[in-house]
Every structure is written in C-alpha cells, then in structure tokens.
C-alpha cells in the first residue's frame, strides 16, 4: 500500500548508493545490523545514525542526520513509529532523495509530508527482502 515495485526499484537502483540507517548500532542481534550488511553486500554505503555515534560495518557513525557532513541519498528508518515522523522530517531537511520506513514502522502523516516534499517514500517494507525479490538490481 505504501510502495509499489516501481518506487522500490527506483530507490534501490537509481536514487544513489549512500544510505543513512537510523537506529543502526553495533548490536548484532538487531534487525538494522543485518539489513545494513545486506545493503553493503549490494554496493550501498551504509552510514550509521544512532545516539552513540559508534562505527558500524567500517563506517563512522553519527548522532543525527544533521551531523553527517556529506550528502545522503536514502534514509532507512529503524526507529519506532512514534519517532519515525521526526526522522522523515530531518531527512527532508538534510536533502535526502528518499526515505524508507522499515517493516512495522508506520506513520501515514509522515508518508504524506515526505511525498509532498518531493521525496520517494517506502513504508512498512524491508530492503533486505526487496533487493533479492527485485533482482537483478545491477
């Protein structure tokens, strides 16, 4: 409902390869850690965004999207739905091209705001599932 295959494919193939993953930490048991591994395997640069700002998967971490000193193409959101709207707004302010809310992350108003701002948006989906489903990507 909140993403069609064309939008998903466009984000994965055409929107750029720098993905800020909000909620990514060194905790290997969290879904964000494994999804980030999949994104890297498919050629994406994964930038961790977490209050601890710790390095993950060999990439420097940042406490917020605003702290990242280079352009980010896609913001992948692994926070709960109550916090996701604020992250989407930060992604718009940071100049991202797309926002991706992970499985179970739903905020319809944020979806509408983000799309109205001109960004591509996917909600309640996982790129680690969509990449193999829509392969070959390259």
N, C-alpha and C. Protein backbone atom coordinates (compact mmCIF):
# COMPACT_ATOMS: atom_id res chain seq x y z
N UNK A 1 0.81 -1.19 0.00
CA UNK A 1 0.00 0.00 0.00
C UNK A 1 0.86 1.26 0.00
N UNK A 2 2.00 1.21 0.68
CA UNK A 2 2.85 2.39 0.79
C UNK A 2 4.11 2.30 -0.06
N UNK A 3 4.06 1.43 -1.06
CA UNK A 3 5.16 1.35 -2.01
C UNK A 3 4.78 0.38 -3.11
N UNK A 4 5.09 0.79 -4.30
CA UNK A 4 4.90 -0.12 -5.43
C UNK A 4 6.28 -0.55 -5.91
N UNK A 5 6.31 -1.59 -6.71
CA UNK A 5 7.59 -2.12 -7.18
C UNK A 5 8.40 -1.08 -7.93
N UNK A 6 7.75 -0.19 -8.68
CA UNK A 6 8.50 0.83 -9.42
C UNK A 6 9.22 1.78 -8.47
N UNK A 7 8.54 2.21 -7.40
CA UNK A 7 9.17 3.11 -6.43
C UNK A 7 10.30 2.40 -5.70
N UNK A 8 10.06 1.17 -5.29
CA UNK A 8 11.10 0.40 -4.60
C UNK A 8 12.31 0.24 -5.51
N UNK A 9 12.09 -0.16 -6.73
CA UNK A 9 13.18 -0.35 -7.68
C UNK A 9 13.93 0.96 -7.92
N UNK A 10 13.19 2.05 -8.05
CA UNK A 10 13.82 3.36 -8.27
C UNK A 10 14.73 3.73 -7.10
N UNK A 11 14.26 3.54 -5.88
CA UNK A 11 15.08 3.85 -4.72
C UNK A 11 16.32 2.96 -4.69
N UNK A 12 16.13 1.68 -4.90
CA UNK A 12 17.25 0.73 -4.81
C UNK A 12 18.25 0.89 -5.94
N UNK A 13 17.80 1.26 -7.13
CA UNK A 13 18.70 1.31 -8.29
C UNK A 13 19.14 2.71 -8.68
N UNK A 14 18.27 3.70 -8.55
CA UNK A 14 18.52 4.99 -9.19
C UNK A 14 18.70 6.17 -8.25
N UNK A 15 18.42 6.01 -6.98
CA UNK A 15 18.43 7.16 -6.07
C UNK A 15 19.80 7.43 -5.46
N UNK A 16 20.76 6.56 -5.68
CA UNK A 16 22.09 6.75 -5.11
C UNK A 16 22.43 5.65 -4.14
N UNK A 17 23.71 5.60 -3.78
CA UNK A 17 24.22 4.47 -3.00
C UNK A 17 24.60 4.82 -1.57
N UNK A 18 24.34 6.04 -1.10
CA UNK A 18 24.67 6.40 0.28
C UNK A 18 23.39 6.35 1.11
N UNK A 19 23.33 5.38 1.99
CA UNK A 19 22.15 5.15 2.84
C UNK A 19 22.50 5.44 4.29
N UNK A 20 21.80 6.38 4.90
CA UNK A 20 21.89 6.60 6.34
C UNK A 20 20.89 5.65 6.99
N UNK A 21 21.36 4.83 7.90
CA UNK A 21 20.50 3.86 8.57
C UNK A 21 20.29 4.34 10.01
N UNK A 22 19.13 4.90 10.26
CA UNK A 22 18.81 5.48 11.56
C UNK A 22 18.38 4.37 12.51
N UNK A 23 19.14 4.24 13.59
CA UNK A 23 18.91 3.17 14.56
C UNK A 23 19.96 2.07 14.46
N UNK A 24 20.93 2.22 13.57
CA UNK A 24 21.98 1.22 13.40
C UNK A 24 23.06 1.39 14.46
N UNK A 25 23.29 0.32 15.22
CA UNK A 25 24.33 0.30 16.25
C UNK A 25 25.16 -0.96 16.07
N UNK A 26 26.07 -1.18 16.98
CA UNK A 26 26.91 -2.38 16.92
C UNK A 26 26.21 -3.63 17.46
N UNK A 27 24.97 -3.50 17.87
CA UNK A 27 24.21 -4.63 18.41
C UNK A 27 23.84 -5.58 17.27
N UNK A 28 24.55 -6.68 17.19
CA UNK A 28 24.38 -7.65 16.09
C UNK A 28 23.03 -8.35 16.11
N UNK A 29 22.34 -8.32 17.23
CA UNK A 29 21.04 -9.00 17.32
C UNK A 29 19.89 -8.14 16.80
N UNK A 30 20.15 -6.90 16.49
CA UNK A 30 19.10 -6.00 15.99
C UNK A 30 18.97 -6.14 14.48
N UNK A 31 17.76 -6.01 13.98
CA UNK A 31 17.50 -6.14 12.55
C UNK A 31 18.31 -5.14 11.73
N UNK A 32 18.50 -3.94 12.24
CA UNK A 32 19.24 -2.91 11.49
C UNK A 32 20.64 -3.40 11.13
N UNK A 33 21.27 -4.14 12.02
CA UNK A 33 22.62 -4.62 11.77
C UNK A 33 22.66 -5.56 10.56
N UNK A 34 21.75 -6.52 10.53
CA UNK A 34 21.71 -7.48 9.42
C UNK A 34 21.28 -6.84 8.11
N UNK A 35 20.31 -5.94 8.16
CA UNK A 35 19.87 -5.25 6.94
C UNK A 35 21.01 -4.40 6.38
N UNK A 36 21.75 -3.74 7.25
CA UNK A 36 22.89 -2.95 6.80
C UNK A 36 23.92 -3.83 6.09
N UNK A 37 24.13 -5.04 6.59
CA UNK A 37 25.04 -5.97 5.93
C UNK A 37 24.57 -6.29 4.51
N UNK A 38 23.27 -6.52 4.37
CA UNK A 38 22.72 -6.81 3.04
C UNK A 38 22.90 -5.61 2.11
N UNK A 39 22.60 -4.43 2.60
CA UNK A 39 22.77 -3.21 1.79
C UNK A 39 24.22 -3.09 1.33
N UNK A 40 25.17 -3.31 2.22
CA UNK A 40 26.59 -3.24 1.85
C UNK A 40 26.92 -4.29 0.79
N UNK A 41 26.40 -5.48 0.97
CA UNK A 41 26.68 -6.56 0.01
C UNK A 41 26.20 -6.18 -1.39
N UNK A 42 25.16 -5.36 -1.46
CA UNK A 42 24.63 -4.92 -2.75
C UNK A 42 25.17 -3.56 -3.16
N UNK A 43 26.30 -3.16 -2.58
CA UNK A 43 27.02 -1.98 -3.05
C UNK A 43 26.63 -0.65 -2.46
N UNK A 44 25.84 -0.67 -1.39
CA UNK A 44 25.44 0.59 -0.76
C UNK A 44 26.45 0.99 0.32
N UNK A 45 26.69 2.28 0.43
CA UNK A 45 27.46 2.81 1.55
C UNK A 45 26.47 3.00 2.69
N UNK A 46 26.74 2.38 3.83
CA UNK A 46 25.82 2.41 4.96
C UNK A 46 26.41 3.30 6.05
N UNK A 47 25.70 4.37 6.37
CA UNK A 47 26.14 5.33 7.37
C UNK A 47 25.27 5.16 8.62
N UNK A 48 25.87 4.73 9.74
CA UNK A 48 25.09 4.53 10.95
C UNK A 48 24.66 5.86 11.58
N UNK A 49 23.40 5.94 11.99
CA UNK A 49 22.90 7.09 12.73
C UNK A 49 22.27 6.56 14.00
N UNK A 50 22.89 6.92 15.13
CA UNK A 50 22.48 6.40 16.42
C UNK A 50 23.03 7.35 17.47
N UNK A 51 22.32 7.54 18.58
CA UNK A 51 22.83 8.47 19.60
C UNK A 51 24.27 8.19 20.05
N UNK A 52 24.68 6.92 20.02
CA UNK A 52 26.05 6.58 20.43
C UNK A 52 27.09 6.98 19.39
N UNK A 53 26.69 7.20 18.15
CA UNK A 53 27.59 7.60 17.05
C UNK A 53 28.80 6.69 16.93
N UNK A 54 28.59 5.41 17.10
CA UNK A 54 29.70 4.47 17.03
C UNK A 54 29.88 3.94 15.61
N UNK A 55 31.11 3.58 15.24
CA UNK A 55 31.32 2.99 13.91
C UNK A 55 30.65 1.62 13.81
N UNK A 56 30.08 1.36 12.64
CA UNK A 56 29.45 0.07 12.38
C UNK A 56 29.78 -0.32 10.94
N UNK A 57 30.12 -1.58 10.74
CA UNK A 57 30.45 -2.09 9.40
C UNK A 57 31.53 -1.23 8.73
N UNK A 58 32.48 -0.72 9.54
CA UNK A 58 33.59 0.04 8.99
C UNK A 58 33.28 1.48 8.61
N UNK A 59 32.12 1.96 8.98
CA UNK A 59 31.71 3.32 8.61
C UNK A 59 31.49 4.14 9.89
N UNK A 60 32.00 5.36 9.92
CA UNK A 60 31.82 6.24 11.07
C UNK A 60 30.34 6.47 11.34
N UNK A 61 29.95 6.44 12.60
CA UNK A 61 28.58 6.71 12.98
C UNK A 61 28.37 8.18 13.34
N UNK A 62 27.13 8.61 13.28
CA UNK A 62 26.75 9.99 13.59
C UNK A 62 25.54 9.96 14.51
N UNK A 63 25.46 10.96 15.39
CA UNK A 63 24.37 11.01 16.36
C UNK A 63 23.04 11.41 15.72
N UNK A 64 23.09 12.13 14.60
CA UNK A 64 21.86 12.55 13.93
C UNK A 64 22.14 12.73 12.44
N UNK A 65 21.08 12.81 11.67
CA UNK A 65 21.24 13.06 10.22
C UNK A 65 21.93 14.40 9.99
N UNK A 66 21.61 15.39 10.80
CA UNK A 66 22.20 16.72 10.64
C UNK A 66 23.71 16.72 10.85
N UNK A 67 24.23 15.73 11.57
CA UNK A 67 25.67 15.65 11.84
C UNK A 67 26.47 15.06 10.68
N UNK A 68 25.82 14.43 9.73
CA UNK A 68 26.53 13.79 8.62
C UNK A 68 27.06 14.89 7.69
N UNK A 69 28.38 14.93 7.47
CA UNK A 69 28.97 16.05 6.72
C UNK A 69 29.02 15.86 5.20
N UNK A 70 28.23 14.95 4.68
CA UNK A 70 28.19 14.70 3.23
C UNK A 70 26.76 14.35 2.85
N UNK A 71 26.44 14.43 1.58
CA UNK A 71 25.06 14.14 1.15
C UNK A 71 24.68 12.67 1.37
N UNK A 72 23.43 12.49 1.75
CA UNK A 72 22.85 11.16 1.94
C UNK A 72 21.74 11.01 0.92
N UNK A 73 21.70 9.87 0.25
CA UNK A 73 20.68 9.64 -0.78
C UNK A 73 19.38 9.10 -0.20
N UNK A 74 19.50 8.09 0.65
CA UNK A 74 18.32 7.42 1.21
C UNK A 74 18.47 7.35 2.72
N UNK A 75 17.39 7.60 3.44
CA UNK A 75 17.37 7.46 4.89
C UNK A 75 16.48 6.26 5.21
N UNK A 76 17.11 5.24 5.79
CA UNK A 76 16.44 3.99 6.16
C UNK A 76 16.17 4.05 7.66
N UNK A 77 14.90 3.93 8.06
CA UNK A 77 14.48 4.25 9.42
C UNK A 77 14.11 3.00 10.21
N UNK A 78 14.89 2.74 11.27
CA UNK A 78 14.68 1.62 12.18
C UNK A 78 14.31 2.10 13.57
N UNK A 79 13.51 3.13 13.69
CA UNK A 79 13.04 3.58 15.00
C UNK A 79 11.55 3.29 15.07
N UNK A 80 10.98 3.38 16.27
CA UNK A 80 9.56 3.06 16.38
C UNK A 80 8.71 4.13 15.69
N UNK A 81 7.51 3.75 15.38
CA UNK A 81 6.62 4.61 14.58
C UNK A 81 6.42 5.98 15.20
N UNK A 82 6.42 6.08 16.52
CA UNK A 82 6.21 7.37 17.18
C UNK A 82 7.34 8.35 16.89
N UNK A 83 8.54 7.85 16.63
CA UNK A 83 9.70 8.70 16.37
C UNK A 83 9.99 8.86 14.88
N UNK A 84 9.39 8.03 14.06
CA UNK A 84 9.74 7.99 12.64
C UNK A 84 9.40 9.27 11.89
N UNK A 85 8.30 9.91 12.22
CA UNK A 85 7.91 11.13 11.53
C UNK A 85 8.95 12.23 11.65
N UNK A 86 9.51 12.37 12.84
CA UNK A 86 10.55 13.38 13.04
C UNK A 86 11.79 13.05 12.21
N UNK A 87 12.11 11.77 12.10
CA UNK A 87 13.26 11.36 11.28
C UNK A 87 12.99 11.68 9.80
N UNK A 88 11.77 11.41 9.35
CA UNK A 88 11.42 11.73 7.96
C UNK A 88 11.57 13.23 7.70
N UNK A 89 11.13 14.04 8.65
CA UNK A 89 11.27 15.49 8.51
C UNK A 89 12.75 15.90 8.46
N UNK A 90 13.58 15.25 9.26
CA UNK A 90 15.02 15.52 9.23
C UNK A 90 15.63 15.11 7.88
N UNK A 91 15.13 14.01 7.33
CA UNK A 91 15.62 13.56 6.02
C UNK A 91 15.31 14.58 4.94
N UNK A 92 14.11 15.14 4.98
CA UNK A 92 13.74 16.20 4.03
C UNK A 92 14.68 17.38 4.21
N UNK A 93 14.88 17.81 5.46
CA UNK A 93 15.75 18.96 5.74
C UNK A 93 17.19 18.70 5.31
N UNK A 94 17.63 17.45 5.40
CA UNK A 94 19.01 17.10 5.04
C UNK A 94 19.21 16.97 3.53
N UNK A 95 18.14 17.01 2.76
CA UNK A 95 18.27 16.93 1.31
C UNK A 95 18.31 15.52 0.76
N UNK A 96 17.84 14.54 1.53
CA UNK A 96 17.80 13.17 1.03
C UNK A 96 16.85 13.07 -0.16
N UNK A 97 17.05 12.04 -0.97
CA UNK A 97 16.19 11.81 -2.13
C UNK A 97 15.03 10.87 -1.81
N UNK A 98 15.21 10.06 -0.75
CA UNK A 98 14.19 9.06 -0.43
C UNK A 98 14.25 8.72 1.05
N UNK A 99 13.11 8.25 1.56
CA UNK A 99 13.00 7.77 2.93
C UNK A 99 12.39 6.38 2.87
N UNK A 100 12.93 5.49 3.67
CA UNK A 100 12.45 4.11 3.72
C UNK A 100 12.15 3.76 5.17
N UNK A 101 10.87 3.54 5.50
CA UNK A 101 10.47 3.08 6.83
C UNK A 101 10.45 1.56 6.81
N UNK A 102 11.13 0.95 7.75
CA UNK A 102 11.25 -0.49 7.82
C UNK A 102 9.93 -1.18 8.17
N UNK A 103 9.93 -2.49 8.10
CA UNK A 103 8.77 -3.29 8.47
C UNK A 103 8.26 -2.88 9.85
N UNK A 104 6.98 -2.62 9.96
CA UNK A 104 6.38 -2.25 11.22
C UNK A 104 6.47 -0.77 11.57
N UNK A 105 7.23 0.00 10.79
CA UNK A 105 7.35 1.44 11.04
C UNK A 105 6.34 2.14 10.14
N UNK A 106 5.30 2.69 10.76
CA UNK A 106 4.19 3.27 10.01
C UNK A 106 3.81 4.62 10.60
N UNK A 107 3.79 5.63 9.74
CA UNK A 107 3.32 6.97 10.10
C UNK A 107 2.76 7.58 8.82
N UNK A 108 1.46 7.49 8.66
CA UNK A 108 0.83 7.94 7.42
C UNK A 108 1.01 9.43 7.17
N UNK A 109 0.97 10.24 8.23
CA UNK A 109 1.17 11.68 8.06
C UNK A 109 2.59 11.98 7.59
N UNK A 110 3.57 11.27 8.14
CA UNK A 110 4.96 11.45 7.71
C UNK A 110 5.11 11.02 6.25
N UNK A 111 4.44 9.94 5.88
CA UNK A 111 4.47 9.48 4.49
C UNK A 111 3.95 10.58 3.57
N UNK A 112 2.82 11.15 3.92
CA UNK A 112 2.22 12.21 3.10
C UNK A 112 3.12 13.44 3.03
N UNK A 113 3.69 13.86 4.18
CA UNK A 113 4.58 15.03 4.21
C UNK A 113 5.82 14.81 3.36
N UNK A 114 6.38 13.63 3.48
CA UNK A 114 7.62 13.31 2.76
C UNK A 114 7.38 13.29 1.25
N UNK A 115 6.30 12.66 0.84
CA UNK A 115 5.95 12.63 -0.59
C UNK A 115 5.65 14.05 -1.09
N UNK A 116 4.94 14.85 -0.28
CA UNK A 116 4.61 16.22 -0.68
C UNK A 116 5.87 17.06 -0.84
N UNK A 117 6.93 16.72 -0.10
CA UNK A 117 8.20 17.44 -0.20
C UNK A 117 9.00 16.99 -1.42
N UNK A 118 8.49 16.00 -2.15
CA UNK A 118 9.14 15.56 -3.38
C UNK A 118 10.06 14.37 -3.25
N UNK A 119 10.09 13.75 -2.09
CA UNK A 119 10.95 12.59 -1.90
C UNK A 119 10.19 11.31 -2.22
N UNK A 120 10.91 10.33 -2.69
CA UNK A 120 10.34 8.99 -2.82
C UNK A 120 10.22 8.41 -1.42
N UNK A 121 9.23 7.57 -1.21
CA UNK A 121 8.99 7.04 0.13
C UNK A 121 8.46 5.62 0.06
N UNK A 122 8.99 4.79 0.93
CA UNK A 122 8.51 3.42 1.11
C UNK A 122 8.26 3.26 2.61
N UNK A 123 7.17 2.58 2.94
CA UNK A 123 6.84 2.40 4.34
C UNK A 123 6.41 0.95 4.59
N UNK A 124 6.85 0.42 5.74
CA UNK A 124 6.48 -0.92 6.17
C UNK A 124 7.02 -1.99 5.22
N UNK A 125 8.23 -1.78 4.75
CA UNK A 125 8.93 -2.74 3.88
C UNK A 125 10.38 -2.84 4.32
N UNK A 126 11.08 -3.84 3.85
CA UNK A 126 12.48 -4.03 4.19
C UNK A 126 13.32 -4.18 2.92
N UNK A 127 14.36 -3.38 2.74
CA UNK A 127 15.18 -3.50 1.53
C UNK A 127 15.89 -4.85 1.44
N UNK A 128 16.18 -5.48 2.58
CA UNK A 128 16.84 -6.79 2.54
C UNK A 128 15.92 -7.85 1.94
N UNK A 129 14.63 -7.64 2.00
CA UNK A 129 13.66 -8.54 1.37
C UNK A 129 13.44 -8.12 -0.08
N UNK A 130 13.37 -6.82 -0.31
CA UNK A 130 13.05 -6.31 -1.64
C UNK A 130 14.20 -6.46 -2.63
N UNK A 131 15.44 -6.32 -2.19
CA UNK A 131 16.58 -6.43 -3.11
C UNK A 131 16.58 -7.78 -3.82
N UNK A 132 16.55 -8.90 -3.07
CA UNK A 132 16.56 -10.19 -3.80
C UNK A 132 15.27 -10.42 -4.59
N UNK A 133 14.16 -9.91 -4.10
CA UNK A 133 12.89 -10.11 -4.79
C UNK A 133 12.89 -9.41 -6.15
N UNK A 134 13.55 -8.26 -6.23
CA UNK A 134 13.56 -7.46 -7.46
C UNK A 134 14.85 -7.63 -8.25
N UNK A 135 15.71 -8.55 -7.84
CA UNK A 135 16.98 -8.76 -8.55
C UNK A 135 16.72 -9.25 -9.97
N UNK A 136 17.63 -9.03 -10.88
CA UNK A 136 18.94 -8.41 -10.64
C UNK A 136 18.84 -6.88 -10.60
N UNK A 137 19.51 -6.30 -9.60
CA UNK A 137 19.50 -4.84 -9.47
C UNK A 137 20.50 -4.19 -10.41
N UNK A 138 21.57 -4.84 -10.69
CA UNK A 138 22.62 -4.19 -11.49
C UNK A 138 22.89 -4.98 -12.72
